[in-house]
Structure formats: C-alpha cells, structure tokens
N, C-alpha and C. Protein backbone atom coordinates (compact mmCIF):
# COMPACT_ATOMS: atom_id res chain seq x y z
N UNK A 1 85.97 119.56 167.34
CA UNK A 1 87.42 118.51 167.89
C UNK A 1 88.63 119.41 167.06
N UNK A 2 88.29 119.21 165.92
CA UNK A 2 89.43 119.18 164.84
C UNK A 2 89.54 121.22 164.91
N UNK A 3 88.61 121.40 164.98
CA UNK A 3 88.81 122.91 164.95
C UNK A 3 89.33 123.59 166.44
N UNK A 4 88.98 123.14 167.75
CA UNK A 4 89.53 123.50 168.32
C UNK A 4 90.69 122.73 169.02
N UNK A 5 91.00 121.49 168.90
CA UNK A 5 92.35 120.65 168.82
C UNK A 5 93.54 121.01 167.95
N UNK A 6 93.06 121.20 167.04
CA UNK A 6 93.88 121.52 166.16
C UNK A 6 94.22 122.60 165.57
N UNK A 7 93.44 123.26 164.25
CA UNK A 7 93.63 124.75 163.93
C UNK A 7 93.67 125.90 165.12
N UNK A 8 92.93 125.82 166.06
CA UNK A 8 93.01 127.03 167.21
C UNK A 8 94.33 126.85 167.94
N UNK A 9 94.13 125.60 168.14
CA UNK A 9 95.94 125.39 168.93
C UNK A 9 97.18 125.55 167.96
N UNK A 10 97.22 125.42 166.77
CA UNK A 10 98.41 125.79 166.28
C UNK A 10 98.47 127.44 165.37
N UNK A 11 96.83 128.03 165.69
CA UNK A 11 96.93 129.14 165.31
C UNK A 11 96.94 129.62 163.70
N UNK A 12 95.99 128.57 162.84
CA UNK A 12 95.95 128.56 161.85
C UNK A 12 94.09 128.72 161.85
N UNK A 13 93.35 129.03 162.48
CA UNK A 13 92.41 129.53 162.60
C UNK A 13 91.98 130.50 163.74
N UNK A 14 90.94 131.62 163.76
CA UNK A 14 90.52 132.06 164.45
C UNK A 14 89.26 132.18 165.14
N UNK A 15 88.68 132.63 165.91
CA UNK A 15 86.78 132.35 166.07
C UNK A 15 86.50 133.79 165.86
N UNK A 16 85.43 133.32 165.28
CA UNK A 16 84.88 134.08 164.48
C UNK A 16 83.69 135.57 165.49
N UNK A 17 84.87 136.26 166.25
CA UNK A 17 84.57 136.85 167.04
C UNK A 17 84.40 138.50 166.10
N UNK A 18 83.77 139.56 166.86
CA UNK A 18 83.33 140.59 165.87
C UNK A 18 85.41 141.17 165.73
N UNK A 19 86.19 141.33 166.40
CA UNK A 19 87.23 141.73 166.89
C UNK A 19 87.87 141.14 165.77
N UNK A 20 87.62 139.92 165.34
CA UNK A 20 88.77 139.33 164.72
C UNK A 20 88.20 139.46 163.56
N UNK A 21 86.83 139.62 162.91
CA UNK A 21 86.02 139.49 161.75
C UNK A 21 86.36 141.04 161.33
N UNK A 22 86.88 142.61 162.08
CA UNK A 22 87.34 143.55 161.59
C UNK A 22 88.86 143.56 161.06
N UNK A 23 89.58 142.66 161.88
CA UNK A 23 90.96 142.40 161.77
C UNK A 23 90.85 141.97 160.21
N UNK A 24 90.36 141.11 160.28
CA UNK A 24 90.26 139.94 158.68
C UNK A 24 90.21 140.91 157.34
N UNK A 25 89.11 141.73 157.92
CA UNK A 25 88.96 142.69 156.99
C UNK A 25 90.10 143.52 156.44
N UNK A 26 90.34 144.10 157.35
CA UNK A 26 91.59 145.38 157.19
C UNK A 26 92.59 144.56 156.72
N UNK A 27 92.90 142.96 156.96
CA UNK A 27 93.84 142.57 156.07
C UNK A 27 93.47 141.97 154.76
N UNK A 28 92.60 141.83 154.86
CA UNK A 28 91.79 141.62 153.06
C UNK A 28 92.24 142.54 152.33
N UNK A 29 91.34 144.01 152.90
CA UNK A 29 91.41 144.96 152.21
C UNK A 29 93.21 145.53 151.79
N UNK A 30 93.81 145.42 153.03
CA UNK A 30 95.56 145.66 152.75
C UNK A 30 95.99 145.00 151.46
N UNK A 31 95.80 143.39 151.56
CA UNK A 31 96.11 142.42 150.44
C UNK A 31 95.74 142.51 149.29
N UNK A 32 94.42 143.45 149.18
CA UNK A 32 93.69 143.69 147.42
C UNK A 32 94.48 144.94 147.18
N UNK A 33 94.84 146.15 148.03
CA UNK A 33 95.82 146.94 146.97
C UNK A 33 96.73 146.56 146.94
N UNK A 34 97.52 145.88 147.67
CA UNK A 34 98.75 145.46 147.26
C UNK A 34 98.91 144.45 145.96
N UNK A 35 97.78 143.88 146.00
CA UNK A 35 97.94 142.98 144.50
C UNK A 35 97.37 143.74 143.57
N UNK A 36 96.80 144.82 144.04
CA UNK A 36 96.56 145.98 142.81
C UNK A 36 97.79 146.56 142.20
N UNK A 37 98.54 147.14 143.43
CA UNK A 37 99.85 147.84 143.17
C UNK A 37 101.02 146.83 142.10
N UNK A 38 100.95 145.48 142.64
CA UNK A 38 101.84 144.60 142.11
C UNK A 38 101.58 144.10 140.44
N UNK A 39 100.35 144.20 140.54
CA UNK A 39 99.02 143.83 138.65
C UNK A 39 100.15 145.32 137.98
N UNK A 40 99.85 146.32 138.54
CA UNK A 40 100.23 147.67 138.14
C UNK A 40 101.56 147.66 137.50
N UNK A 41 102.59 147.46 138.25
CA UNK A 41 103.82 147.25 137.53
C UNK A 41 103.99 146.27 137.00
N UNK A 42 103.29 144.98 137.35
CA UNK A 42 103.66 144.10 136.46
C UNK A 42 103.23 144.37 135.07
N UNK A 43 102.11 145.09 134.60
CA UNK A 43 101.73 145.55 133.43
C UNK A 43 102.55 146.95 132.57
N UNK A 44 103.47 147.73 133.54
CA UNK A 44 103.96 148.50 132.98
C UNK A 44 105.91 147.49 132.51
N UNK A 45 106.09 146.60 132.98
CA UNK A 45 106.86 146.04 132.54
C UNK A 45 106.49 144.87 131.67
N UNK A 46 105.05 144.74 131.33
CA UNK A 46 104.63 143.96 130.09
C UNK A 46 104.76 144.46 128.84
N UNK A 47 104.39 145.83 129.18
CA UNK A 47 104.42 146.73 127.51
C UNK A 47 105.66 146.77 126.92
N UNK A 48 106.80 146.54 127.94
CA UNK A 48 108.12 147.10 127.25
C UNK A 48 108.75 145.66 127.15
N UNK A 49 108.39 144.22 127.66
CA UNK A 49 109.23 143.52 127.77
C UNK A 49 108.55 142.33 126.65
N UNK A 50 106.90 142.79 126.28
CA UNK A 50 106.15 141.85 125.44
C UNK A 50 106.96 141.67 124.24
N UNK A 51 107.37 140.79 123.36
CA UNK A 51 107.76 140.88 121.99
C UNK A 51 108.86 141.01 122.12
N UNK A 52 109.98 141.12 123.32
CA UNK A 52 111.04 141.18 122.80
C UNK A 52 111.84 140.46 122.51
N UNK A 53 113.34 140.39 121.80
CA UNK A 53 113.69 139.41 121.14
C UNK A 53 115.60 139.33 122.51
N UNK A 54 115.92 137.94 122.42
CA UNK A 54 116.74 137.68 123.16
C UNK A 54 117.55 137.13 122.20
N UNK A 55 118.95 137.55 122.31
CA UNK A 55 119.91 136.63 121.22
C UNK A 55 120.84 135.91 122.35
N UNK A 56 121.11 134.57 121.94
CA UNK A 56 122.20 133.53 122.72
C UNK A 56 123.02 132.80 121.99
N UNK A 57 123.82 133.02 122.09
CA UNK A 57 125.05 132.38 121.03
C UNK A 57 125.55 130.95 122.06
N UNK A 58 125.18 130.23 121.47
CA UNK A 58 125.84 128.59 121.98
C UNK A 58 126.55 127.62 121.04
N UNK A 59 126.94 127.22 121.26
CA UNK A 59 127.93 126.08 120.45
C UNK A 59 126.93 124.53 120.08
N UNK A 60 127.07 124.26 118.91
CA UNK A 60 125.93 123.10 118.56
C UNK A 60 126.48 122.17 117.54
N UNK A 61 126.19 121.44 117.33
CA UNK A 61 126.38 120.24 115.84
C UNK A 61 125.78 120.92 114.71
N UNK A 62 126.31 120.29 113.98
CA UNK A 62 125.88 120.41 112.55
C UNK A 62 124.43 120.27 112.36
N UNK A 63 123.96 119.84 112.70
CA UNK A 63 122.22 119.39 112.79
C UNK A 63 121.11 120.42 113.19
N UNK A 64 122.53 121.51 114.25
CA UNK A 64 121.33 121.87 114.93
C UNK A 64 121.23 121.42 116.45
N UNK A 65 121.46 121.10 117.08
CA UNK A 65 121.01 120.08 118.60
C UNK A 65 122.92 121.13 119.41
N UNK A 66 121.97 121.53 120.73
CA UNK A 66 122.74 122.63 121.02
C UNK A 66 123.97 121.13 122.08
N UNK A 67 124.99 121.82 122.17
CA UNK A 67 125.92 120.50 122.94
C UNK A 67 125.43 120.57 124.40
N UNK A 68 124.76 121.61 124.96
CA UNK A 68 124.51 121.93 125.88
C UNK A 68 122.99 122.49 126.05
N UNK A 69 122.40 122.92 126.65
CA UNK A 69 121.29 123.50 127.02
C UNK A 69 120.72 124.78 127.41
N UNK A 70 119.86 125.79 127.01
CA UNK A 70 119.80 126.63 127.46
C UNK A 70 118.16 126.76 128.45
N UNK A 71 118.28 127.36 129.96
CA UNK A 71 117.25 127.09 131.16
C UNK A 71 116.63 128.06 131.22
N UNK A 72 115.87 128.33 132.04
CA UNK A 72 115.34 129.37 132.21
C UNK A 72 116.24 130.29 133.37
N UNK A 73 117.33 129.94 133.49
CA UNK A 73 118.42 130.59 134.34
C UNK A 73 118.91 131.56 133.23
N UNK A 74 119.90 130.68 132.12
CA UNK A 74 120.00 131.44 131.23
C UNK A 74 119.18 132.48 130.35
N UNK A 75 118.02 132.36 130.56
CA UNK A 75 117.32 133.14 129.71
C UNK A 75 116.61 134.78 130.52
N UNK A 76 116.83 134.45 132.39
CA UNK A 76 116.56 135.30 133.51
C UNK A 76 118.07 136.28 133.13
N UNK A 77 118.92 135.59 133.09
CA UNK A 77 120.19 136.46 132.87
C UNK A 77 120.32 137.10 131.86
N UNK A 78 119.92 136.71 130.49
CA UNK A 78 119.86 137.21 129.31
C UNK A 78 118.65 138.85 129.43
N UNK A 79 118.04 138.33 129.90
CA UNK A 79 116.86 139.60 130.19
C UNK A 79 117.45 140.75 131.27
N UNK A 80 117.86 140.40 132.25
CA UNK A 80 118.62 140.88 133.34
C UNK A 80 119.66 141.74 132.94
N UNK A 81 120.30 141.37 131.12
CA UNK A 81 121.46 142.15 130.89
C UNK A 81 120.69 143.30 130.19
N UNK A 82 119.32 142.65 129.68
CA UNK A 82 119.01 143.90 128.11
C UNK A 82 117.86 144.78 129.66
N UNK A 83 117.83 145.10 130.95
CA UNK A 83 117.67 145.65 131.58
C UNK A 83 116.12 145.39 132.23
N UNK A 84 115.88 144.44 132.21
CA UNK A 84 114.85 143.65 132.89
C UNK A 84 114.43 142.98 133.97
N UNK A 85 114.05 143.11 135.01
CA UNK A 85 113.88 142.41 136.65
C UNK A 85 113.12 141.04 136.17
N UNK A 86 113.71 139.92 135.62
CA UNK A 86 112.43 139.00 135.66
C UNK A 86 113.44 137.49 136.38
N UNK A 87 112.97 137.17 137.31
CA UNK A 87 113.46 135.96 138.34
C UNK A 87 113.19 134.53 137.31
N UNK A 88 114.40 133.91 137.55
CA UNK A 88 113.82 132.56 136.42
C UNK A 88 112.54 131.56 137.05
N UNK A 89 112.34 132.24 137.84
CA UNK A 89 111.05 131.43 138.17
C UNK A 89 109.48 131.73 137.63
N UNK A 90 109.91 133.00 136.91
CA UNK A 90 108.72 133.79 136.38
C UNK A 90 108.55 132.98 135.14
N UNK A 91 109.86 132.80 134.80
CA UNK A 91 109.61 132.06 133.35
C UNK A 91 109.46 130.21 132.73
N UNK A 92 108.50 130.02 132.24
CA UNK A 92 107.91 129.13 131.95
C UNK A 92 108.56 128.09 130.80
N UNK A 93 109.42 127.29 131.04
CA UNK A 93 109.65 126.42 130.24
C UNK A 93 109.57 124.65 130.51
N UNK A 94 108.68 124.09 129.20
CA UNK A 94 108.55 122.84 130.57
C UNK A 94 109.74 121.85 130.27
N UNK A 95 110.73 121.92 129.16
CA UNK A 95 111.76 121.34 129.02
C UNK A 95 113.07 122.39 128.65
N UNK A 96 114.26 122.15 128.77
CA UNK A 96 114.85 123.02 128.62
C UNK A 96 115.43 123.13 126.93
N UNK A 97 115.41 124.14 126.35
CA UNK A 97 115.95 124.33 124.85
C UNK A 97 117.03 123.93 124.46
N UNK A 98 117.16 122.96 123.69
CA UNK A 98 118.24 122.05 122.92
C UNK A 98 118.64 121.86 121.72
N UNK A 99 117.79 123.30 120.89
CA UNK A 99 118.16 123.20 119.47
C UNK A 99 118.25 124.93 118.93
N UNK A 100 118.64 124.94 118.55
CA UNK A 100 119.17 126.12 117.54
C UNK A 100 117.59 126.72 117.06
N UNK A 101 117.31 127.83 116.72
CA UNK A 101 116.59 128.60 116.21
C UNK A 101 116.09 129.58 117.01
N UNK A 102 114.76 130.18 116.72
CA UNK A 102 113.95 130.96 117.90
C UNK A 102 112.73 130.27 118.08
N UNK A 103 112.43 130.85 119.55
CA UNK A 103 111.52 130.26 120.86
C UNK A 103 110.76 130.70 121.24
N UNK A 104 109.62 130.63 121.75
CA UNK A 104 108.16 131.53 121.95
C UNK A 104 108.44 130.94 123.48
N UNK A 105 108.91 131.91 124.24
CA UNK A 105 109.00 131.68 125.77
C UNK A 105 108.03 132.73 126.75
N UNK A 106 107.17 131.96 127.28
CA UNK A 106 106.28 132.81 128.35
C UNK A 106 106.63 133.30 129.68
N UNK A 107 106.48 134.40 129.83
CA UNK A 107 106.74 134.93 131.03
C UNK A 107 105.98 135.69 131.96
N UNK A 108 105.86 134.66 132.78
CA UNK A 108 104.22 135.13 133.97
C UNK A 108 105.18 136.64 135.27
N UNK A 109 104.57 137.63 134.53
CA UNK A 109 104.78 138.33 135.16
C UNK A 109 104.61 138.70 136.44
N UNK A 110 103.09 138.23 136.84
CA UNK A 110 101.81 138.24 137.71
C UNK A 110 100.88 137.18 137.53
N UNK A 111 100.20 136.62 138.38
CA UNK A 111 99.14 135.74 138.28
C UNK A 111 98.10 136.10 137.21
N UNK A 112 97.82 137.42 137.09
CA UNK A 112 96.97 138.09 135.73
C UNK A 112 97.78 138.80 134.71
N UNK A 113 98.65 138.63 134.68
CA UNK A 113 99.73 139.35 133.47
C UNK A 113 100.87 138.09 133.05
N UNK A 114 100.65 137.90 131.64
CA UNK A 114 101.79 137.22 130.80
C UNK A 114 101.96 137.42 129.71
N UNK A 115 103.48 137.34 129.57
CA UNK A 115 103.75 137.99 127.75
C UNK A 115 104.54 136.68 127.40
N UNK A 116 104.94 137.39 125.85
CA UNK A 116 106.13 136.19 125.58
C UNK A 116 107.47 136.69 125.00
N UNK A 117 108.48 136.21 125.26
CA UNK A 117 109.37 136.65 125.05
C UNK A 117 109.82 135.54 123.67
N UNK A 118 110.41 136.29 122.78
CA UNK A 118 111.20 135.32 121.71
C UNK A 118 113.03 134.97 122.01
N UNK A 119 113.57 133.70 121.75
CA UNK A 119 114.65 133.66 122.42
C UNK A 119 115.59 133.24 120.97
N UNK A 120 116.19 133.52 120.35
CA UNK A 120 116.85 133.67 119.66
C UNK A 120 118.45 132.96 119.99
N UNK A 121 118.50 130.97 119.66
CA UNK A 121 119.25 130.51 119.87
C UNK A 121 120.60 130.30 118.51
N UNK A 122 121.25 130.74 118.80
CA UNK A 122 122.23 130.54 117.84
C UNK A 122 123.45 130.38 117.84
N UNK A 123 124.73 130.00 116.78
CA UNK A 123 125.77 130.05 116.67
C UNK A 123 126.86 131.30 116.51
N UNK A 124 126.37 132.23 115.74
CA UNK A 124 127.15 133.35 115.42
C UNK A 124 126.14 134.27 115.69
N UNK A 125 126.49 135.64 115.74
CA UNK A 125 125.38 137.02 115.87
C UNK A 125 125.36 137.08 114.06
N UNK A 126 125.55 136.90 113.19
CA UNK A 126 125.22 136.46 112.16
C UNK A 126 124.35 135.44 111.69
N UNK A 127 124.54 134.05 112.36
CA UNK A 127 123.26 133.25 112.26
C UNK A 127 122.31 133.64 112.49
N UNK A 128 122.02 134.55 113.92
CA UNK A 128 120.84 134.82 114.76
C UNK A 128 120.28 136.02 113.65
N UNK A 129 120.72 136.65 112.81
CA UNK A 129 120.22 137.69 112.28
C UNK A 129 119.46 136.85 110.89
N UNK A 130 120.28 135.73 110.52
CA UNK A 130 119.63 135.25 109.39
C UNK A 130 118.42 134.38 109.77
N UNK A 131 118.37 133.76 110.99
CA UNK A 131 117.35 133.19 111.72
C UNK A 131 116.36 134.43 111.51
N UNK A 132 116.49 135.21 111.90
CA UNK A 132 115.11 136.00 112.19
C UNK A 132 114.80 136.50 110.81
N UNK A 133 115.65 136.35 109.53
CA UNK A 133 114.71 136.74 108.32
C UNK A 133 114.80 135.48 108.41
N UNK A 134 114.07 134.48 108.53
CA UNK A 134 113.41 133.35 108.34
C UNK A 134 114.45 132.16 107.66
N UNK A 135 115.48 132.24 107.35
CA UNK A 135 116.20 131.23 106.91
C UNK A 135 117.00 130.17 108.59
N UNK A 136 116.62 129.43 107.30
CA UNK A 136 117.11 127.94 108.01
C UNK A 136 118.62 127.64 108.26
N UNK A 137 119.41 127.65 109.50
CA UNK A 137 120.72 127.76 109.28
C UNK A 137 121.01 126.26 109.45
N UNK A 138 120.47 125.12 109.80
CA UNK A 138 120.84 123.96 109.82
C UNK A 138 120.87 123.14 108.99
N UNK A 139 120.38 124.06 107.75
CA UNK A 139 119.89 122.91 106.17
C UNK A 139 121.66 123.22 105.77
N UNK A 140 121.96 121.78 104.93
CA UNK A 140 122.83 121.67 104.32
C UNK A 140 122.69 121.98 102.66
N UNK A 141 123.85 122.59 102.50
CA UNK A 141 124.14 123.76 101.00
C UNK A 141 123.42 122.54 100.11
N UNK A 142 122.55 122.95 99.31
CA UNK A 142 121.72 122.15 97.91
C UNK A 142 123.00 121.84 97.23
N UNK A 143 123.21 121.14 96.59
CA UNK A 143 123.99 120.95 95.64
C UNK A 143 123.30 120.53 94.23
N UNK A 144 123.88 120.76 92.97
CA UNK A 144 122.96 120.34 91.77
C UNK A 144 123.52 119.13 91.32
N UNK A 145 123.21 117.80 91.13
CA UNK A 145 123.64 116.41 90.52
C UNK A 145 124.37 116.74 89.18
N UNK A 146 123.72 117.08 88.38
CA UNK A 146 124.28 117.48 86.77
C UNK A 146 125.79 118.02 86.98
N UNK A 147 125.85 119.27 88.05
CA UNK A 147 126.91 119.86 88.12
C UNK A 147 128.49 118.66 88.91
N UNK A 148 127.88 118.59 89.95
CA UNK A 148 128.57 117.11 90.62
C UNK A 148 129.11 115.86 89.36
N UNK A 149 128.34 115.75 88.88
CA UNK A 149 128.91 114.82 87.26
C UNK A 149 129.64 115.33 86.56
N UNK A 150 129.69 116.70 86.44
CA UNK A 150 130.67 117.28 85.63
C UNK A 150 132.41 117.23 86.47
N UNK A 151 131.33 117.93 87.41
CA UNK A 151 133.07 118.33 87.95
C UNK A 151 133.52 116.81 88.51
N UNK A 152 132.62 115.21 88.60
CA UNK A 152 133.77 113.78 88.68
C UNK A 152 134.55 113.57 87.54
N UNK A 153 133.51 114.16 86.37
CA UNK A 153 134.15 113.59 84.93
C UNK A 153 135.47 114.46 84.71
N UNK A 154 135.35 115.66 85.23
CA UNK A 154 136.50 116.14 84.52
C UNK A 154 137.64 115.93 85.61
N UNK A 155 137.44 115.49 86.56
CA UNK A 155 138.26 114.78 87.50
C UNK A 155 138.96 113.51 87.30
N UNK A 156 138.13 112.98 86.15
CA UNK A 156 138.24 111.66 86.17
C UNK A 156 139.65 111.83 84.22
N UNK A 157 138.66 113.16 83.65
CA UNK A 157 139.57 113.49 82.78
C UNK A 157 140.78 113.89 82.80
N UNK A 158 141.62 114.69 83.78
CA UNK A 158 142.37 114.99 84.51
C UNK A 158 143.52 113.80 85.02
N UNK A 159 142.75 113.07 85.73
CA UNK A 159 143.74 111.73 86.07
C UNK A 159 143.89 111.33 85.00
N UNK A 160 143.07 110.88 83.76
CA UNK A 160 143.20 110.07 82.65
C UNK A 160 144.54 110.62 82.25
N UNK A 161 144.54 112.30 82.12
CA UNK A 161 146.01 112.99 80.90
C UNK A 161 147.20 112.33 82.18
N UNK A 162 146.68 112.69 83.34
CA UNK A 162 148.19 112.25 84.08
C UNK A 162 148.45 110.79 83.80
N UNK A 163 147.73 109.98 83.47
CA UNK A 163 148.31 108.89 83.89
C UNK A 163 148.98 108.70 82.12
N UNK A 164 148.62 109.33 81.40
CA UNK A 164 149.10 109.65 80.04
C UNK A 164 150.22 109.76 79.80
N UNK A 165 151.22 110.42 80.49
CA UNK A 165 152.24 111.36 80.50
C UNK A 165 153.63 109.82 81.16
C-alpha cells in the first residue's frame, strides 16, 4: 500500500524493472565520477589552504573581549580576499569568536576533505605579529612593587618640600 499509494504516486520510487535498474546504475556511475572530481578539486585547494593564517583586525576592550564577534561570514570573506574560494557554509564554528588571539578553525571542503585555518584576531597589525610570536597581548604590564614604593616616596618627599616653602 505505502509503496504503490505514496512512493510510486509521488515519483519517490520506481518499480525494479530491468530498464529502471540500468538507468539507476548509469546515474550511480555518473554521481560517483562527479564525486571523485569534486574530491580531487577539494584536495588541490586543501594543499594550499591547510595551515593558512588569516589576520583580522577588530576593536576590543583591554581584557581582550571583542566589541562584536567574528562569524563564518567574516572568515569566508577574509579567505576570499586571500584568493581562496570558500563558502561560509564550509567553515565550522560552534559559536562566533569573541576574543582576541589565535583560533584554529576547521574548513570542510568536501565530506572527505577537511583542513584547519588559523584566524589571528588582533587590534592592530603590530599586535597580530606579537600574537604570532606567542606574546599575550591582553596581559597588563607587570610592575615592580619596590619601584612603586620609591616613586610614591619621591612624590611624598617632593610634596613635603613644596609645603616647606
């Protein structure tokens, strides 16, 4: 009943005749050859894209949290400007990137071909270079408490001299 009344009536299935089996086999061969071509194209793109680094400049607070976020669309546009043809649907992000730093982003070029791209999010080009070297750009400058005590003492002494006059 289900096959005759629903599947065959709506063209979702065919009867298993010899003619239909041959047509199905021809379509299967065409699909497999097309899939191999697409996989080969993805392999050639993957060779140059794997390990590629993209620098994105964004505004952020002192703690390194971005005022906006970096989405798959932003990454796809950056890769296109570098000469790669990547659709935003091929970029896999669980959540948008909201912090400064180096982020590894998987790009699925084909169901069997996946590469990783490094996205470097920084406030300036100089900061991006520092991040590549491994420096933490969100850390505050360390100061020595002894130096701070000397500076406070000198300021108090100077203020005392001003009061004596």
